[in-house]
């Protein structure tokens, strides 16, 4: 029976390297086969997941010998941390390993939505020449408002400054004396940040406090034509409120890499129809060829360290 069970995709080189030291069961389809996953976990000491595997009390009850959970990423809302603590299971996120990938996704989305010309693809293929409608805005001189100012947000800011963007941020959990506030306009309230920002990017976990943090009321306080970008967690943005604001012209654009219900079904996706100034991607912001290698290496090293220390 395997010592380490991996239920979602990761870099094969890291899988193979780990298999030289431990018995590994790697099957990225296990996330959709919960009965099989439970079977493999019966004697397992470690479980490695991304964001889709729901590590709840029911799943953990099938893994009495589990010592560590490796998270291929940083979000932990799919893992019952209280239950893990009760069972003395160590949870190891791959902190910092995909910061660059997410930050690049945010900046790319922002620039595409500001410029606007990239939305003319279907019209061009239809033989139209929508030149006047495709005139957009430059990035330089705009204000990027970051909600949450942790590692990914700070990396985003480091990419944005050379482009001429002013950086503003709101993070009540980061001390006002923290050196990371250098060259950043620190805001005391979200309302103030919304009013001052041309671009708003979310960098917070999904909690009771952050659920629908960006809702219709919040959007009403934003600048006309502002752009909202979410590569953090689905549920932080009220998707219907966002679509309504895009269609009414209150917002100038939006980009979502995460959704309240994932994977996005056809029925759920119908909400976004007829919204050309909206970029949708399948929770891929933090996953590139390069970041997958980094995240996989960090995760497996974390897992191996815990297992080797417990021998």
C-alpha atoms as a PDB file:
ATOM      1  CA  UNK A   1       0.000   0.000   0.000  1.00  0.00           C
ATOM      2  CA  UNK A   2       1.256   3.551  -0.727  1.00  0.00           C
ATOM      3  CA  UNK A   3       2.817   5.818   1.888  1.00  0.00           C
ATOM      4  CA  UNK A   4       2.099   8.949  -0.161  1.00  0.00           C
ATOM      5  CA  UNK A   5      -1.102   9.458  -2.177  1.00  0.00           C
ATOM      6  CA  UNK A   6      -1.258  12.235  -4.785  1.00  0.00           C
ATOM      7  CA  UNK A   7      -4.789  12.976  -5.987  1.00  0.00           C
ATOM      8  CA  UNK A   8      -4.197  15.812  -8.473  1.00  0.00           C
ATOM      9  CA  UNK A   9      -1.713  16.642 -11.227  1.00  0.00           C
ATOM     10  CA  UNK A  10       1.865  17.672 -10.536  1.00  0.00           C
ATOM     11  CA  UNK A  11       5.337  17.535 -12.086  1.00  0.00           C
ATOM     12  CA  UNK A  12       6.309  13.944 -12.863  1.00  0.00           C
ATOM     13  CA  UNK A  13       9.992  14.459 -12.088  1.00  0.00           C
ATOM     14  CA  UNK A  14       9.102  15.311  -8.506  1.00  0.00           C
ATOM     15  CA  UNK A  15       6.838  12.256  -8.308  1.00  0.00           C
ATOM     16  CA  UNK A  16       9.608   9.991  -9.587  1.00  0.00           C
ATOM     17  CA  UNK A  17      12.226  11.498  -7.284  1.00  0.00           C
ATOM     18  CA  UNK A  18       9.971  10.961  -4.273  1.00  0.00           C
ATOM     19  CA  UNK A  19       9.193   7.388  -5.360  1.00  0.00           C
ATOM     20  CA  UNK A  20      12.855   6.530  -4.826  1.00  0.00           C
ATOM     21  CA  UNK A  21      12.367   7.087  -1.086  1.00  0.00           C
ATOM     22  CA  UNK A  22       8.692   6.289  -0.451  1.00  0.00           C
ATOM     23  CA  UNK A  23       5.911   4.191  -1.976  1.00  0.00           C
ATOM     24  CA  UNK A  24       3.852   6.635  -4.028  1.00  0.00           C
ATOM     25  CA  UNK A  25       0.387   6.360  -5.558  1.00  0.00           C
ATOM     26  CA  UNK A  26       0.083   9.096  -8.175  1.00  0.00           C
ATOM     27  CA  UNK A  27      -3.226   9.349 -10.004  1.00  0.00           C
ATOM     28  CA  UNK A  28      -4.565  12.834 -10.844  1.00  0.00           C
ATOM     29  CA  UNK A  29      -7.997  11.286 -11.495  1.00  0.00           C
ATOM     30  CA  UNK A  30      -8.421  10.331  -7.833  1.00  0.00           C
ATOM     31  CA  UNK A  31      -9.872  13.780  -7.132  1.00  0.00           C
ATOM     32  CA  UNK A  32     -12.960  12.640  -9.058  1.00  0.00           C
ATOM     33  CA  UNK A  33     -12.980   9.121  -7.572  1.00  0.00           C
ATOM     34  CA  UNK A  34     -13.484   9.635  -3.827  1.00  0.00           C
ATOM     35  CA  UNK A  35     -14.133   5.940  -3.082  1.00  0.00           C
ATOM     36  CA  UNK A  36     -10.792   4.939  -4.632  1.00  0.00           C
ATOM     37  CA  UNK A  37      -9.047   7.825  -2.907  1.00  0.00           C
ATOM     38  CA  UNK A  38     -10.311   6.629   0.475  1.00  0.00           C
ATOM     39  CA  UNK A  39      -9.128   3.115  -0.299  1.00  0.00           C
ATOM     40  CA  UNK A  40      -5.583   4.256  -1.040  1.00  0.00           C
ATOM     41  CA  UNK A  41      -5.538   6.467   2.060  1.00  0.00           C
ATOM     42  CA  UNK A  42      -6.217   3.589   4.448  1.00  0.00           C
ATOM     43  CA  UNK A  43      -2.518   3.055   5.257  1.00  0.00           C
ATOM     44  CA  UNK A  44      -1.094   6.264   3.788  1.00  0.00           C
ATOM     45  CA  UNK A  45       1.068   8.626   5.820  1.00  0.00           C
ATOM     46  CA  UNK A  46       0.809  11.567   3.404  1.00  0.00           C
ATOM     47  CA  UNK A  47      -1.733  13.097   1.015  1.00  0.00           C
ATOM     48  CA  UNK A  48      -0.862  15.636  -1.701  1.00  0.00           C
ATOM     49  CA  UNK A  49      -3.638  17.777  -3.229  1.00  0.00           C
ATOM     50  CA  UNK A  50      -4.337  20.916  -5.208  1.00  0.00           C
ATOM     51  CA  UNK A  51      -7.532  22.899  -4.692  1.00  0.00           C
ATOM     52  CA  UNK A  52     -10.194  20.452  -5.881  1.00  0.00           C
ATOM     53  CA  UNK A  53      -9.721  17.603  -3.410  1.00  0.00           C
ATOM     54  CA  UNK A  54     -11.968  18.308  -0.431  1.00  0.00           C
ATOM     55  CA  UNK A  55      -9.979  17.285   2.618  1.00  0.00           C
ATOM     56  CA  UNK A  56     -12.819  17.148   5.132  1.00  0.00           C
ATOM     57  CA  UNK A  57     -13.619  15.056   8.194  1.00  0.00           C
ATOM     58  CA  UNK A  58     -15.164  12.321   6.057  1.00  0.00           C
ATOM     59  CA  UNK A  59     -12.030  11.914   3.940  1.00  0.00           C
ATOM     60  CA  UNK A  60      -9.708  12.141   6.935  1.00  0.00           C
ATOM     61  CA  UNK A  61     -11.650   9.424   8.731  1.00  0.00           C
ATOM     62  CA  UNK A  62     -10.492   7.056   5.963  1.00  0.00           C
ATOM     63  CA  UNK A  63      -6.844   7.923   6.661  1.00  0.00           C
ATOM     64  CA  UNK A  64      -6.082   6.950  10.287  1.00  0.00           C
ATOM     65  CA  UNK A  65      -2.309   6.975   9.732  1.00  0.00           C
ATOM     66  CA  UNK A  66      -2.094  10.314   7.951  1.00  0.00           C
ATOM     67  CA  UNK A  67       0.713  12.567   9.209  1.00  0.00           C
ATOM     68  CA  UNK A  68       1.010  15.304   6.597  1.00  0.00           C
ATOM     69  CA  UNK A  69      -0.946  16.978   3.801  1.00  0.00           C
ATOM     70  CA  UNK A  70       1.023  18.690   1.047  1.00  0.00           C
ATOM     71  CA  UNK A  71      -0.821  21.463  -0.773  1.00  0.00           C
ATOM     72  CA  UNK A  72       0.287  22.089  -4.371  1.00  0.00           C
ATOM     73  CA  UNK A  73      -0.353  25.805  -4.003  1.00  0.00           C
ATOM     74  CA  UNK A  74      -1.130  28.169  -1.130  1.00  0.00           C
ATOM     75  CA  UNK A  75      -4.918  28.328  -0.642  1.00  0.00           C
ATOM     76  CA  UNK A  76      -6.168  26.131   2.172  1.00  0.00           C
ATOM     77  CA  UNK A  77      -9.947  26.616   2.000  1.00  0.00           C
ATOM     78  CA  UNK A  78     -10.423  23.055   0.677  1.00  0.00           C
ATOM     79  CA  UNK A  79      -8.693  21.618   3.762  1.00  0.00           C
ATOM     80  CA  UNK A  80     -10.417  21.352   7.144  1.00  0.00           C
ATOM     81  CA  UNK A  81      -7.604  22.831   9.205  1.00  0.00           C
ATOM     82  CA  UNK A  82      -9.417  22.386  12.516  1.00  0.00           C
ATOM     83  CA  UNK A  83      -9.899  18.677  11.861  1.00  0.00           C
ATOM     84  CA  UNK A  84      -6.259  18.332  10.819  1.00  0.00           C
ATOM     85  CA  UNK A  85      -5.141  20.016  14.018  1.00  0.00           C
ATOM     86  CA  UNK A  86      -7.323  17.695  16.081  1.00  0.00           C
ATOM     87  CA  UNK A  87      -5.760  14.692  14.342  1.00  0.00           C
ATOM     88  CA  UNK A  88      -2.246  16.201  14.622  1.00  0.00           C
ATOM     89  CA  UNK A  89      -1.802  16.264  10.838  1.00  0.00           C
ATOM     90  CA  UNK A  90       0.713  18.780   9.507  1.00  0.00           C
ATOM     91  CA  UNK A  91      -0.498  20.895   6.566  1.00  0.00           C
ATOM     92  CA  UNK A  92       2.206  22.237   4.238  1.00  0.00           C
ATOM     93  CA  UNK A  93       1.352  24.822   1.553  1.00  0.00           C
ATOM     94  CA  UNK A  94       3.899  25.591  -1.178  1.00  0.00           C
ATOM     95  CA  UNK A  95       4.350  29.152   0.015  1.00  0.00           C
ATOM     96  CA  UNK A  96       5.959  31.440  -2.550  1.00  0.00           C
ATOM     97  CA  UNK A  97       6.382  28.831  -5.280  1.00  0.00           C
ATOM     98  CA  UNK A  98       3.726  30.217  -7.631  1.00  0.00           C
ATOM     99  CA  UNK A  99       3.846  33.923  -6.736  1.00  0.00           C
ATOM    100  CA  UNK A 100       5.404  34.898 -10.072  1.00  0.00           C
ATOM    101  CA  UNK A 101       2.835  32.989 -12.132  1.00  0.00           C
ATOM    102  CA  UNK A 102      -0.159  34.595 -10.410  1.00  0.00           C
ATOM    103  CA  UNK A 103       1.400  38.053 -10.516  1.00  0.00           C
ATOM    104  CA  UNK A 104       2.037  37.789 -14.250  1.00  0.00           C
ATOM    105  CA  UNK A 105      -1.556  36.627 -14.832  1.00  0.00           C
ATOM    106  CA  UNK A 106      -2.860  39.684 -12.958  1.00  0.00           C
ATOM    107  CA  UNK A 107      -0.675  42.152 -14.856  1.00  0.00           C
ATOM    108  CA  UNK A 108      -1.417  40.528 -18.218  1.00  0.00           C
ATOM    109  CA  UNK A 109      -5.171  40.619 -17.571  1.00  0.00           C
ATOM    110  CA  UNK A 110      -5.005  44.237 -16.446  1.00  0.00           C
ATOM    111  CA  UNK A 111      -3.142  45.369 -19.553  1.00  0.00           C
ATOM    112  CA  UNK A 112      -5.427  43.438 -21.911  1.00  0.00           C
ATOM    113  CA  UNK A 113      -8.552  44.919 -20.351  1.00  0.00           C
ATOM    114  CA  UNK A 114      -7.169  48.451 -20.285  1.00  0.00           C
ATOM    115  CA  UNK A 115      -6.127  48.349 -23.933  1.00  0.00           C
ATOM    116  CA  UNK A 116      -9.422  46.803 -25.057  1.00  0.00           C
ATOM    117  CA  UNK A 117      -8.278  46.028 -28.597  1.00  0.00           C
ATOM    118  CA  UNK A 118      -7.915  42.342 -27.778  1.00  0.00           C
ATOM    119  CA  UNK A 119     -11.707  42.100 -27.558  1.00  0.00           C
ATOM    120  CA  UNK A 120     -12.137  42.744 -31.287  1.00  0.00           C
ATOM    121  CA  UNK A 121     -11.151  39.220 -32.388  1.00  0.00           C
ATOM    122  CA  UNK A 122     -14.629  38.023 -33.465  1.00  0.00           C
ATOM    123  CA  UNK A 123     -15.383  41.296 -35.256  1.00  0.00           C
ATOM    124  CA  UNK A 124     -12.112  41.108 -37.165  1.00  0.00           C
ATOM    125  CA  UNK A 125     -12.874  37.543 -38.255  1.00  0.00           C
ATOM    126  CA  UNK A 126     -16.279  38.769 -39.444  1.00  0.00           C
ATOM    127  CA  UNK A 127     -14.537  41.200 -41.798  1.00  0.00           C
ATOM    128  CA  UNK A 128     -15.176  44.291 -39.694  1.00  0.00           C
ATOM    129  CA  UNK A 129     -12.644  46.988 -38.874  1.00  0.00           C
ATOM    130  CA  UNK A 130     -13.628  48.298 -35.389  1.00  0.00           C
ATOM    131  CA  UNK A 131     -10.733  50.694 -35.056  1.00  0.00           C
ATOM    132  CA  UNK A 132     -12.476  53.489 -33.158  1.00  0.00           C
ATOM    133  CA  UNK A 133     -14.174  51.086 -30.746  1.00  0.00           C
ATOM    134  CA  UNK A 134     -10.842  49.391 -30.067  1.00  0.00           C
ATOM    135  CA  UNK A 135      -9.017  52.464 -28.798  1.00  0.00           C
ATOM    136  CA  UNK A 136      -8.134  51.701 -25.197  1.00  0.00           C
ATOM    137  CA  UNK A 137      -6.109  53.120 -22.347  1.00  0.00           C
ATOM    138  CA  UNK A 138      -2.455  52.974 -21.367  1.00  0.00           C
ATOM    139  CA  UNK A 139      -1.240  51.258 -18.220  1.00  0.00           C
ATOM    140  CA  UNK A 140       1.135  53.998 -17.059  1.00  0.00           C
ATOM    141  CA  UNK A 141      -0.394  56.494 -14.666  1.00  0.00           C
ATOM    142  CA  UNK A 142      -3.168  54.217 -13.432  1.00  0.00           C
ATOM    143  CA  UNK A 143      -3.583  53.136  -9.815  1.00  0.00           C
ATOM    144  CA  UNK A 144      -3.554  49.435  -8.986  1.00  0.00           C
ATOM    145  CA  UNK A 145      -5.401  48.704  -5.762  1.00  0.00           C
ATOM    146  CA  UNK A 146      -4.415  45.456  -4.064  1.00  0.00           C
ATOM    147  CA  UNK A 147      -6.752  43.903  -1.502  1.00  0.00           C
ATOM    148  CA  UNK A 148      -4.428  41.904   0.715  1.00  0.00           C
ATOM    149  CA  UNK A 149      -0.707  42.608   0.595  1.00  0.00           C
ATOM    150  CA  UNK A 150       0.951  39.244   1.099  1.00  0.00           C
ATOM    151  CA  UNK A 151       3.612  37.595  -1.043  1.00  0.00           C
ATOM    152  CA  UNK A 152       1.645  37.350  -4.295  1.00  0.00           C
ATOM    153  CA  UNK A 153       0.297  40.898  -4.037  1.00  0.00           C
ATOM    154  CA  UNK A 154       3.771  42.248  -3.328  1.00  0.00           C
ATOM    155  CA  UNK A 155       5.186  40.366  -6.327  1.00  0.00           C
ATOM    156  CA  UNK A 156       2.369  41.837  -8.443  1.00  0.00           C
ATOM    157  CA  UNK A 157       3.328  45.296  -7.211  1.00  0.00           C
ATOM    158  CA  UNK A 158       6.985  44.707  -8.120  1.00  0.00           C
ATOM    159  CA  UNK A 159       5.960  43.947 -11.711  1.00  0.00           C
ATOM    160  CA  UNK A 160       3.510  46.835 -11.873  1.00  0.00           C
ATOM    161  CA  UNK A 161       5.763  49.678 -10.722  1.00  0.00           C
ATOM    162  CA  UNK A 162       8.145  49.589 -13.728  1.00  0.00           C
ATOM    163  CA  UNK A 163       5.081  49.869 -15.980  1.00  0.00           C
ATOM    164  CA  UNK A 164       4.221  53.203 -14.406  1.00  0.00           C
ATOM    165  CA  UNK A 165       1.399  51.983 -12.206  1.00  0.00           C
ATOM    166  CA  UNK A 166       0.855  53.587  -8.814  1.00  0.00           C
ATOM    167  CA  UNK A 167       0.394  50.971  -6.081  1.00  0.00           C
ATOM    168  CA  UNK A 168      -2.239  51.188  -3.358  1.00  0.00           C
ATOM    169  CA  UNK A 169      -3.109  48.409  -0.938  1.00  0.00           C
ATOM    170  CA  UNK A 170      -5.381  47.441   1.942  1.00  0.00           C
ATOM    171  CA  UNK A 171      -4.336  44.801   4.460  1.00  0.00           C
ATOM    172  CA  UNK A 172      -5.480  45.162   8.088  1.00  0.00           C
ATOM    173  CA  UNK A 173      -3.326  42.177   9.101  1.00  0.00           C
ATOM    174  CA  UNK A 174      -0.037  43.746   7.985  1.00  0.00           C
ATOM    175  CA  UNK A 175       1.469  46.158  10.494  1.00  0.00           C
ATOM    176  CA  UNK A 176       1.577  49.766   9.313  1.00  0.00           C
ATOM    177  CA  UNK A 177       5.268  49.773  10.257  1.00  0.00           C
ATOM    178  CA  UNK A 178       6.078  46.818   8.006  1.00  0.00           C
ATOM    179  CA  UNK A 179       8.871  47.630   5.542  1.00  0.00           C
ATOM    180  CA  UNK A 180       6.851  46.088   2.684  1.00  0.00           C
ATOM    181  CA  UNK A 181       4.695  49.224   2.608  1.00  0.00           C
ATOM    182  CA  UNK A 182       7.570  51.143   1.014  1.00  0.00           C
ATOM    183  CA  UNK A 183       6.524  52.753  -2.297  1.00  0.00           C
ATOM    184  CA  UNK A 184       2.917  51.716  -1.614  1.00  0.00           C
ATOM    185  CA  UNK A 185      -0.050  53.896  -0.682  1.00  0.00           C
ATOM    186  CA  UNK A 186      -1.448  52.155   2.405  1.00  0.00           C
ATOM    187  CA  UNK A 187      -5.214  52.541   2.822  1.00  0.00           C
ATOM    188  CA  UNK A 188      -7.010  52.287   6.141  1.00  0.00           C
ATOM    189  CA  UNK A 189     -10.365  51.285   4.626  1.00  0.00           C
ATOM    190  CA  UNK A 190     -11.554  49.281   1.641  1.00  0.00           C
ATOM    191  CA  UNK A 191     -13.933  52.054   0.671  1.00  0.00           C
ATOM    192  CA  UNK A 192     -11.070  54.478   0.279  1.00  0.00           C
ATOM    193  CA  UNK A 193      -9.121  51.965  -1.812  1.00  0.00           C
ATOM    194  CA  UNK A 194     -12.119  51.376  -4.093  1.00  0.00           C
ATOM    195  CA  UNK A 195     -12.559  55.101  -4.692  1.00  0.00           C
ATOM    196  CA  UNK A 196      -8.900  55.675  -5.534  1.00  0.00           C
ATOM    197  CA  UNK A 197      -8.153  52.667  -7.781  1.00  0.00           C
ATOM    198  CA  UNK A 198      -8.453  52.204 -11.540  1.00  0.00           C
ATOM    199  CA  UNK A 199      -7.612  48.516 -11.213  1.00  0.00           C
ATOM    200  CA  UNK A 200      -8.560  46.332  -8.251  1.00  0.00           C
ATOM    201  CA  UNK A 201      -6.933  42.945  -7.691  1.00  0.00           C
ATOM    202  CA  UNK A 202      -7.951  40.479  -4.956  1.00  0.00           C
ATOM    203  CA  UNK A 203      -5.287  38.677  -2.906  1.00  0.00           C
ATOM    204  CA  UNK A 204      -7.166  37.255   0.085  1.00  0.00           C
ATOM    205  CA  UNK A 205      -8.254  33.779   1.222  1.00  0.00           C
ATOM    206  CA  UNK A 206     -11.912  32.750   1.224  1.00  0.00           C
ATOM    207  CA  UNK A 207     -13.306  33.135   4.743  1.00  0.00           C
ATOM    208  CA  UNK A 208     -16.611  34.214   6.277  1.00  0.00           C
ATOM    209  CA  UNK A 209     -15.145  37.714   6.396  1.00  0.00           C
ATOM    210  CA  UNK A 210     -14.107  37.813   2.723  1.00  0.00           C
ATOM    211  CA  UNK A 211     -17.108  36.013   1.166  1.00  0.00           C
ATOM    212  CA  UNK A 212     -18.606  38.423  -1.426  1.00  0.00           C
ATOM    213  CA  UNK A 213     -16.184  41.104  -0.263  1.00  0.00           C
ATOM    214  CA  UNK A 214     -16.704  42.651  -3.692  1.00  0.00           C
ATOM    215  CA  UNK A 215     -20.486  42.818  -3.993  1.00  0.00           C
ATOM    216  CA  UNK A 216     -22.956  45.256  -5.566  1.00  0.00           C
ATOM    217  CA  UNK A 217     -22.554  47.765  -2.748  1.00  0.00           C
ATOM    218  CA  UNK A 218     -18.749  47.663  -2.944  1.00  0.00           C
ATOM    219  CA  UNK A 219     -18.831  48.032  -6.727  1.00  0.00           C
ATOM    220  CA  UNK A 220     -21.094  51.078  -6.407  1.00  0.00           C
ATOM    221  CA  UNK A 221     -18.271  52.889  -4.575  1.00  0.00           C
ATOM    222  CA  UNK A 222     -15.672  52.161  -7.258  1.00  0.00           C
ATOM    223  CA  UNK A 223     -14.564  54.548  -9.972  1.00  0.00           C
ATOM    224  CA  UNK A 224     -16.532  54.564 -13.197  1.00  0.00           C
ATOM    225  CA  UNK A 225     -14.801  52.190 -15.616  1.00  0.00           C
ATOM    226  CA  UNK A 226     -12.730  50.458 -12.933  1.00  0.00           C
ATOM    227  CA  UNK A 227     -11.437  46.939 -13.609  1.00  0.00           C
ATOM    228  CA  UNK A 228     -11.826  44.073 -11.108  1.00  0.00           C
ATOM    229  CA  UNK A 229      -9.419  41.109 -11.178  1.00  0.00           C
ATOM    230  CA  UNK A 230      -9.739  37.971  -9.052  1.00  0.00           C
ATOM    231  CA  UNK A 231      -7.108  35.233  -9.077  1.00  0.00           C
ATOM    232  CA  UNK A 232      -7.455  34.592  -5.335  1.00  0.00           C
ATOM    233  CA  UNK A 233     -10.477  32.477  -4.453  1.00  0.00           C
ATOM    234  CA  UNK A 234     -13.942  32.016  -5.891  1.00  0.00           C
ATOM    235  CA  UNK A 235     -16.624  33.525  -3.683  1.00  0.00           C
ATOM    236  CA  UNK A 236     -14.603  36.623  -2.793  1.00  0.00           C
ATOM    237  CA  UNK A 237     -16.327  38.365  -5.722  1.00  0.00           C
ATOM    238  CA  UNK A 238     -20.112  38.261  -6.138  1.00  0.00           C
ATOM    239  CA  UNK A 239     -20.164  37.010  -9.728  1.00  0.00           C
ATOM    240  CA  UNK A 240     -23.680  38.233 -10.562  1.00  0.00           C
ATOM    241  CA  UNK A 241     -22.950  41.694  -9.185  1.00  0.00           C
ATOM    242  CA  UNK A 242     -19.771  41.812 -11.271  1.00  0.00           C
ATOM    243  CA  UNK A 243     -21.582  40.815 -14.466  1.00  0.00           C
ATOM    244  CA  UNK A 244     -24.370  43.331 -13.842  1.00  0.00           C
ATOM    245  CA  UNK A 245     -21.805  46.100 -13.344  1.00  0.00           C
ATOM    246  CA  UNK A 246     -19.935  45.137 -16.518  1.00  0.00           C
ATOM    247  CA  UNK A 247     -23.104  45.093 -18.594  1.00  0.00           C
ATOM    248  CA  UNK A 248     -24.324  48.412 -17.198  1.00  0.00           C
ATOM    249  CA  UNK A 249     -20.988  50.080 -17.930  1.00  0.00           C
ATOM    250  CA  UNK A 250     -20.236  50.844 -14.275  1.00  0.00           C
ATOM    251  CA  UNK A 251     -17.114  48.677 -14.558  1.00  0.00           C
ATOM    252  CA  UNK A 252     -14.774  48.788 -17.526  1.00  0.00           C
ATOM    253  CA  UNK A 253     -13.626  45.183 -17.323  1.00  0.00           C
ATOM    254  CA  UNK A 254     -13.207  42.092 -15.217  1.00  0.00           C
ATOM    255  CA  UNK A 255     -11.010  39.015 -15.042  1.00  0.00           C
ATOM    256  CA  UNK A 256     -11.844  35.840 -13.124  1.00  0.00           C
ATOM    257  CA  UNK A 257      -9.561  32.859 -12.725  1.00  0.00           C
ATOM    258  CA  UNK A 258     -11.534  31.457  -9.780  1.00  0.00           C
ATOM    259  CA  UNK A 259     -15.235  30.771  -9.291  1.00  0.00           C
ATOM    260  CA  UNK A 260     -17.707  29.987  -6.526  1.00  0.00           C
ATOM    261  CA  UNK A 261     -18.350  26.590  -8.106  1.00  0.00           C
ATOM    262  CA  UNK A 262     -15.450  24.803  -9.754  1.00  0.00           C
ATOM    263  CA  UNK A 263     -15.133  23.341 -12.297  1.00  0.00           C
ATOM    264  CA  UNK A 264     -17.430  25.862 -13.968  1.00  0.00           C
ATOM    265  CA  UNK A 265     -20.468  24.041 -15.381  1.00  0.00           C
ATOM    266  CA  UNK A 266     -22.341  25.043 -18.503  1.00  0.00           C
ATOM    267  CA  UNK A 267     -25.261  26.222 -16.393  1.00  0.00           C
ATOM    268  CA  UNK A 268     -23.045  28.340 -14.147  1.00  0.00           C
ATOM    269  CA  UNK A 269     -21.160  29.712 -17.141  1.00  0.00           C
ATOM    270  CA  UNK A 270     -24.382  31.025 -18.695  1.00  0.00           C
ATOM    271  CA  UNK A 271     -24.253  33.889 -16.179  1.00  0.00           C
ATOM    272  CA  UNK A 272     -21.249  35.319 -18.053  1.00  0.00           C
ATOM    273  CA  UNK A 273     -22.741  35.228 -21.564  1.00  0.00           C
ATOM    274  CA  UNK A 274     -22.874  38.539 -23.403  1.00  0.00           C
ATOM    275  CA  UNK A 275     -20.053  40.078 -21.360  1.00  0.00           C
ATOM    276  CA  UNK A 276     -17.199  40.712 -23.835  1.00  0.00           C
ATOM    277  CA  UNK A 277     -15.134  42.811 -21.416  1.00  0.00           C
ATOM    278  CA  UNK A 278     -14.652  39.834 -19.095  1.00  0.00           C
ATOM    279  CA  UNK A 279     -11.677  37.444 -19.134  1.00  0.00           C
ATOM    280  CA  UNK A 280     -12.381  33.920 -17.843  1.00  0.00           C
ATOM    281  CA  UNK A 281      -9.683  31.298 -17.219  1.00  0.00           C
ATOM    282  CA  UNK A 282      -9.943  27.856 -15.498  1.00  0.00           C
ATOM    283  CA  UNK A 283      -8.116  28.453 -12.177  1.00  0.00           C
ATOM    284  CA  UNK A 284      -4.799  28.457 -13.980  1.00  0.00           C
ATOM    285  CA  UNK A 285      -3.328  31.763 -12.799  1.00  0.00           C
ATOM    286  CA  UNK A 286      -0.792  30.107 -10.531  1.00  0.00           C
ATOM    287  CA  UNK A 287      -0.001  27.214 -12.863  1.00  0.00           C
ATOM    288  CA  UNK A 288       2.646  27.533 -15.559  1.00  0.00           C
ATOM    289  CA  UNK A 289       5.162  24.989 -16.787  1.00  0.00           C
ATOM    290  CA  UNK A 290       7.772  26.632 -14.591  1.00  0.00           C
ATOM    291  CA  UNK A 291       5.622  27.137 -11.491  1.00  0.00           C
ATOM    292  CA  UNK A 292       4.355  23.555 -11.656  1.00  0.00           C
ATOM    293  CA  UNK A 293       7.963  22.385 -11.302  1.00  0.00           C
ATOM    294  CA  UNK A 294       8.636  24.757  -8.399  1.00  0.00           C
ATOM    295  CA  UNK A 295       5.384  23.999  -6.577  1.00  0.00           C
ATOM    296  CA  UNK A 296       5.858  20.248  -6.986  1.00  0.00           C
ATOM    297  CA  UNK A 297       9.443  20.330  -5.687  1.00  0.00           C
ATOM    298  CA  UNK A 298       8.552  22.470  -2.670  1.00  0.00           C
ATOM    299  CA  UNK A 299       5.511  20.383  -1.823  1.00  0.00           C
ATOM    300  CA  UNK A 300       7.254  17.035  -2.019  1.00  0.00           C
ATOM    301  CA  UNK A 301      10.225  18.328  -0.047  1.00  0.00           C
ATOM    302  CA  UNK A 302       7.839  19.542   2.668  1.00  0.00           C
ATOM    303  CA  UNK A 303       6.083  16.182   2.756  1.00  0.00           C
ATOM    304  CA  UNK A 304       9.313  14.182   2.804  1.00  0.00           C
ATOM    305  CA  UNK A 305      10.725  16.314   5.607  1.00  0.00           C
ATOM    306  CA  UNK A 306       7.742  15.562   7.815  1.00  0.00           C
ATOM    307  CA  UNK A 307       7.775  11.836   7.041  1.00  0.00           C
ATOM    308  CA  UNK A 308      11.512  11.502   7.570  1.00  0.00           C
ATOM    309  CA  UNK A 309      11.343  13.400  10.857  1.00  0.00           C
ATOM    310  CA  UNK A 310       8.684  11.015  12.176  1.00  0.00           C
ATOM    311  CA  UNK A 311      10.646   7.815  11.488  1.00  0.00           C
END
